[in-house]
Protein backbone atom coordinates (compact mmCIF):
# COMPACT_ATOMS: atom_id res chain seq x y z
CA GLU A 1 0.12 0.00 0.43
CA GLY A 2 1.43 3.64 -0.81
CA ARG A 3 3.81 2.30 -3.12
CA GLN A 4 4.49 4.77 -6.76
CA SER A 5 3.28 3.38 -9.23
CA VAL A 6 6.25 2.38 -11.73
CA PHE A 7 4.86 3.07 -15.62
CA PRO A 8 2.23 5.32 -16.29
CA PHE A 9 0.00 3.56 -18.08
CA SER A 10 -1.37 6.22 -19.49
CA GLY A 11 -2.85 7.77 -15.72
CA GLU A 12 -5.17 4.82 -15.10
CA ARG A 13 -4.46 3.25 -11.07
CA LEU A 14 -7.16 -0.11 -11.67
CA TRP A 15 -6.76 -2.70 -14.01
CA ILE A 16 -8.88 -5.43 -14.83
CA PHE A 17 -7.50 -8.39 -16.73
CA GLU A 18 -10.21 -10.82 -18.66
CA VAL A 19 -9.91 -14.78 -16.98
CA ASN A 20 -10.98 -17.15 -19.88
CA ASP A 21 -11.82 -20.78 -19.11
CA TRP A 22 -8.89 -21.55 -20.72
CA THR A 23 -5.79 -22.52 -18.21
CA SER A 24 -3.21 -20.97 -19.96
CA GLN A 25 -4.89 -17.86 -19.59
CA GLN A 26 -5.31 -18.14 -15.99
CA LEU A 27 -2.29 -18.67 -15.25
CA THR A 28 -0.81 -15.76 -17.44
CA THR A 29 -2.50 -13.54 -15.70
CA ALA A 30 -2.39 -14.45 -12.44
CA VAL A 31 0.91 -13.72 -12.94
CA ALA A 32 0.99 -10.53 -14.68
CA ALA A 33 -1.83 -9.37 -11.77
CA ILE A 34 0.61 -10.33 -9.14
CA LEU A 35 3.38 -8.71 -10.88
CA LEU A 36 1.50 -5.78 -11.65
CA LYS A 37 -0.30 -5.21 -8.10
CA GLU A 38 2.12 -6.33 -6.36
CA HIS A 39 5.62 -5.01 -7.98
CA ALA A 40 4.21 -1.66 -9.38
CA GLY A 41 1.78 -0.97 -7.06
CA TYR A 42 -1.58 -0.72 -9.06
CA GLY A 43 -5.07 -1.60 -8.17
CA VAL A 44 -6.48 -5.04 -10.72
CA ASP A 45 -9.78 -6.49 -10.83
CA ILE A 46 -10.47 -9.86 -12.20
CA ASN A 47 -13.39 -9.83 -14.54
CA HIS A 48 -14.16 -13.91 -15.45
CA VAL A 49 -16.03 -14.21 -19.05
CA THR A 50 -16.07 -17.75 -20.79
CA THR A 51 -15.57 -16.67 -24.07
CA GLY A 52 -12.78 -14.47 -25.61
CA THR A 53 -15.99 -13.76 -28.22
CA GLY A 54 -16.57 -10.00 -27.99
CA VAL A 55 -12.38 -9.51 -25.95
CA TYR A 56 -11.85 -6.24 -28.77
CA GLN A 57 -15.21 -4.84 -27.58
CA ARG A 58 -14.13 -4.92 -24.20
CA ILE A 59 -10.73 -3.60 -24.25
CA ALA A 60 -11.82 -0.95 -26.16
CA LYS A 61 -14.86 -0.27 -23.48
CA ASP A 62 -17.25 -0.40 -26.54
CA SER A 63 -19.15 -2.86 -24.57
CA ALA A 64 -19.23 -4.63 -20.71
CA ARG A 65 -18.80 -8.45 -20.06
CA GLY A 66 -18.85 -9.79 -16.74
CA VAL A 67 -19.34 -8.89 -13.16
CA ALA A 68 -16.31 -6.68 -12.68
CA MET A 69 -15.88 -4.83 -15.71
CA GLU A 70 -19.85 -3.88 -15.61
CA GLU A 71 -19.61 -2.62 -12.15
CA HIS A 72 -16.52 -0.17 -12.52
CA PHE A 73 -18.21 0.70 -16.38
CA ASN A 74 -21.29 1.68 -14.96
CA SER A 75 -20.22 3.46 -11.99
CA GLY A 76 -17.77 5.73 -14.55
CA ARG A 77 -14.01 5.59 -12.80
CA PRO A 78 -11.72 5.34 -15.14
CA PHE A 79 -9.78 1.50 -15.89
CA GLY A 80 -7.38 -0.26 -18.21
CA TYR A 81 -8.94 -3.37 -19.71
CA ALA A 82 -6.52 -6.44 -20.77
CA ASN A 83 -6.15 -9.31 -21.93
CA LEU A 84 -3.45 -11.26 -21.72
CA GLU A 85 -3.84 -14.29 -23.97
CA VAL A 86 -6.39 -13.81 -26.99
CA TRP A 87 -6.20 -16.18 -30.03
CA PRO A 88 -7.30 -13.65 -33.00
CA ALA A 89 -7.64 -16.19 -35.65
CA GLY A 90 -11.37 -16.33 -35.07
CA GLN A 91 -12.22 -12.60 -35.02
CA ARG A 92 -9.57 -11.12 -38.00
CA ASP A 93 -12.06 -8.77 -38.66
CA LYS A 94 -12.80 -6.90 -34.98
CA HIS A 95 -8.89 -7.19 -35.44
CA LEU A 96 -8.19 -5.36 -38.29
CA GLN A 97 -10.42 -3.01 -36.94
CA TYR A 98 -9.86 -2.28 -33.24
CA VAL A 99 -5.85 -3.37 -33.75
CA THR A 100 -5.02 -2.17 -37.43
CA ASN A 101 -7.53 0.21 -38.36
CA ASP A 102 -8.90 2.62 -35.17
CA GLY A 103 -5.86 1.58 -32.77
CA VAL A 104 -7.92 2.05 -29.76
CA VAL A 105 -6.62 -1.90 -29.10
CA ARG A 106 -2.66 -2.36 -28.44
CA ASP A 107 -1.40 -5.77 -29.10
CA MET A 108 1.53 -6.27 -26.67
CA GLY A 109 2.94 -8.72 -28.97
CA PHE A 110 3.31 -12.76 -27.97
CA VAL A 111 3.47 -14.25 -24.22
CA GLY A 112 6.38 -16.33 -24.49
CA TYR A 113 4.70 -19.99 -24.97
CA GLU A 114 3.46 -21.54 -27.65
CA GLY A 115 -0.20 -22.71 -28.22
CA ARG A 116 -1.06 -25.39 -30.21
CA SER A 117 -5.20 -26.77 -31.44
CA GLY A 118 -5.43 -30.33 -33.11
CA TRP A 119 -7.48 -32.66 -33.69
CA PHE A 120 -7.23 -37.01 -32.44
CA ILE A 121 -8.89 -39.49 -34.41
CA SER A 122 -8.11 -43.13 -33.36
CA GLN A 123 -5.40 -45.31 -34.70
CA ALA A 124 -8.23 -48.01 -36.11
CA PHE A 125 -9.90 -45.31 -37.93
CA ALA A 126 -6.21 -43.76 -39.04
CA GLU A 127 -5.48 -47.02 -40.52
CA ASP A 128 -8.79 -48.29 -42.31
CA PRO A 129 -8.36 -50.17 -45.04
CA ARG A 130 -10.92 -48.65 -46.94
CA PHE A 131 -8.14 -45.24 -47.02
CA SER A 132 -5.55 -45.89 -49.29
CA ILE A 133 -3.31 -43.06 -47.39
CA THR A 134 -3.62 -42.55 -44.08
CA PRO A 135 -5.74 -39.95 -43.19
CA GLU A 136 -3.67 -37.28 -42.07
CA PHE A 137 -5.24 -33.80 -40.59
CA TYR A 138 -6.74 -31.70 -42.99
CA ARG A 139 -5.24 -33.59 -45.78
CA ALA A 140 -7.73 -36.46 -46.04
CA TYR A 141 -10.24 -33.11 -46.63
CA ASP A 142 -8.72 -32.24 -50.02
CA ARG A 143 -11.30 -32.77 -53.03
CA THR A 144 -8.76 -31.49 -55.05
CA GLY A 145 -6.45 -34.45 -54.63
CA ASN A 146 -7.25 -37.85 -56.68
CA LYS A 147 -5.31 -39.64 -53.81
CA SER A 148 -8.24 -38.07 -51.03
CA ARG A 149 -10.93 -40.09 -52.88
CA PRO A 150 -11.79 -42.72 -50.60
CA VAL A 151 -10.93 -41.07 -47.66
CA ILE A 152 -13.48 -38.11 -48.40
CA GLN A 153 -15.92 -41.67 -49.33
CA ALA A 154 -15.53 -43.10 -46.01
CA LEU A 155 -16.01 -39.97 -44.21
CA GLN A 156 -19.26 -39.50 -46.35
CA ALA A 157 -20.39 -42.94 -45.49
CA GLU A 158 -19.48 -42.19 -41.75
CA SER A 159 -20.51 -39.34 -41.11
CA SER A 160 -21.67 -36.29 -43.35
CA VAL A 161 -24.25 -33.59 -43.46
CA LEU A 162 -26.43 -32.40 -46.55
CA CYS A 163 -24.89 -28.71 -46.77
CA GLY A 164 -27.36 -25.95 -48.36
CA SER A 165 -29.36 -27.29 -46.48
CA PRO A 166 -32.12 -24.23 -44.82
CA SER A 167 -31.00 -25.54 -41.18
CA VAL A 168 -27.24 -25.99 -41.78
CA CYS A 169 -25.28 -22.59 -41.68
CA THR A 170 -22.73 -21.21 -43.34
CA GLY A 171 -20.20 -18.41 -42.73
CA ILE A 172 -17.23 -16.86 -41.42
CA SER A 173 -17.04 -18.31 -38.01
CA ALA A 174 -20.00 -20.59 -36.35
CA VAL A 175 -20.02 -18.11 -33.47
CA GLU A 176 -21.88 -16.03 -35.70
CA CYS A 177 -24.62 -18.30 -36.70
CA PRO A 178 -28.43 -18.10 -35.44
CA GLY A 179 -28.43 -20.14 -32.73
CA SER A 180 -25.01 -20.72 -30.94
CA ARG A 181 -25.31 -19.97 -27.74
CA GLU A 182 -23.18 -20.54 -24.23
CA PRO A 183 -22.20 -22.69 -22.42
CA ASP A 184 -21.39 -25.53 -24.25
CA ASP A 185 -24.88 -26.76 -24.81
CA VAL A 186 -24.78 -25.90 -28.71
CA GLU A 187 -26.00 -27.88 -31.24
CA LEU A 188 -25.67 -26.73 -34.94
CA VAL A 189 -24.26 -28.15 -37.81
CA TRP A 190 -21.27 -25.53 -39.99
CA CYS A 191 -21.10 -26.25 -43.75
CA PRO A 192 -17.95 -23.65 -45.37
CA ALA A 193 -19.91 -21.19 -48.04
CA LYS A 194 -20.07 -22.17 -51.61
CA VAL A 195 -21.03 -26.32 -51.07
CA ASP A 196 -24.10 -27.92 -51.13
CA GLY A 197 -24.85 -31.68 -50.90
CA ALA A 198 -23.47 -34.75 -48.68
CA THR A 199 -20.44 -33.30 -47.23
CA PRO A 200 -18.15 -34.90 -44.32
CA ALA A 201 -18.34 -33.85 -40.97
CA VAL A 202 -16.25 -33.24 -38.20
CA LEU A 203 -17.39 -33.86 -34.74
CA ALA A 204 -16.90 -30.51 -32.39
CA LYS A 205 -18.17 -29.73 -28.89
CA SER A 206 -18.53 -25.98 -29.13
CA PRO A 207 -18.08 -23.09 -31.66
CA PHE A 208 -16.86 -20.98 -28.63
CA VAL A 209 -13.55 -23.45 -27.87
CA ASP A 210 -10.99 -21.85 -30.73
CA GLN A 211 -13.41 -20.17 -32.43
CA GLY A 212 -13.19 -20.01 -35.98
CA PHE A 213 -10.32 -22.39 -36.04
CA ASN A 214 -11.88 -25.81 -37.55
CA GLU A 215 -14.23 -22.90 -40.40
CA GLU A 216 -10.93 -21.24 -41.02
CA ILE A 217 -9.36 -24.42 -42.40
CA ALA A 218 -12.97 -25.68 -43.93
CA GLN A 219 -12.67 -22.71 -45.65
CA GLY A 220 -8.86 -21.93 -47.23
CA ASN A 221 -6.70 -23.99 -49.00
CA GLY A 222 -9.01 -26.87 -51.00
CA PHE A 223 -10.47 -28.44 -48.28
CA ARG A 224 -14.06 -28.77 -47.75
CA PHE A 225 -16.17 -30.57 -44.53
CA ALA A 226 -18.74 -29.30 -42.64
CA VAL A 227 -18.59 -29.30 -38.37
CA ARG A 228 -21.10 -30.64 -36.14
CA TYR A 229 -21.43 -28.98 -32.76
CA VAL A 230 -22.80 -31.02 -30.45
CA GLY A 231 -21.99 -29.60 -26.99
CA LEU A 232 -20.49 -30.67 -23.60
CA GLN A 233 -21.88 -34.14 -23.01
CA LYS A 234 -22.90 -35.33 -26.59
CA PHE A 235 -19.20 -34.68 -27.70
CA SER A 236 -17.63 -36.59 -25.14
CA THR A 237 -19.81 -39.63 -25.33
CA ALA A 238 -19.08 -39.70 -28.80
CA SER A 239 -15.29 -38.94 -28.48
CA TYR A 240 -14.66 -41.85 -25.83
CA GLU A 241 -17.14 -44.30 -27.73
CA ALA A 242 -14.56 -43.30 -31.09
CA LEU A 243 -11.60 -44.94 -29.04
CA ALA A 244 -12.91 -47.37 -28.53
CA ASN A 245 -13.71 -48.66 -31.10
CA GLY A 246 -12.35 -46.68 -34.07
CA THR A 247 -15.75 -45.49 -35.34
CA ALA A 248 -15.26 -42.17 -37.50
CA GLN A 249 -18.42 -41.39 -35.25
């Protein structure tokens, strides 16, 4: 108490750090909060938000979400707002708007560790004799490659959706689809733009996890697959069953 602030931070004496629902972000935030409060002499409050959606708007103070932010936002007291681990892939339009064009949000660089996001498939599925080649992540969905045809046919037989139907959502990211919601109980089907008919589908938990990751891959580089978001419970059950029996579901 009574310490002088080491860094001015544009005069803001109180900083609110956003905490999301994955471990690395929580750990980084905790370390930063300790350093800023105990060693730099600033007031720090924690704002719990389950999703990274809208993070640029919150940092720019265009919108408020979370108990701590709503309290300070409505009080009119000055404060700074930061998120220590942002995944911009699914929000590139907002990054362009707030960081590049408007300059109201600053990207302070990398946090110092490598973030990875990927898929797991069972060994039995990967070694399915119907495949002339082993499914190698997204390469199995590349319709421009002749060797991918048996893979796509097998995937369509196991798990496919009818793209182009009125009930299917298309767009940049599934979080923008009508009916997408939190928490992880969302059930919707997302298809790439300009794709119709029976299309291989991958199973996913929620569009609010790794926002836009699957959709971005499915839109580019010749890859064309749908994503079935089925919610936490159904996804967990299906995953355990797939690992147990080697099916695509």
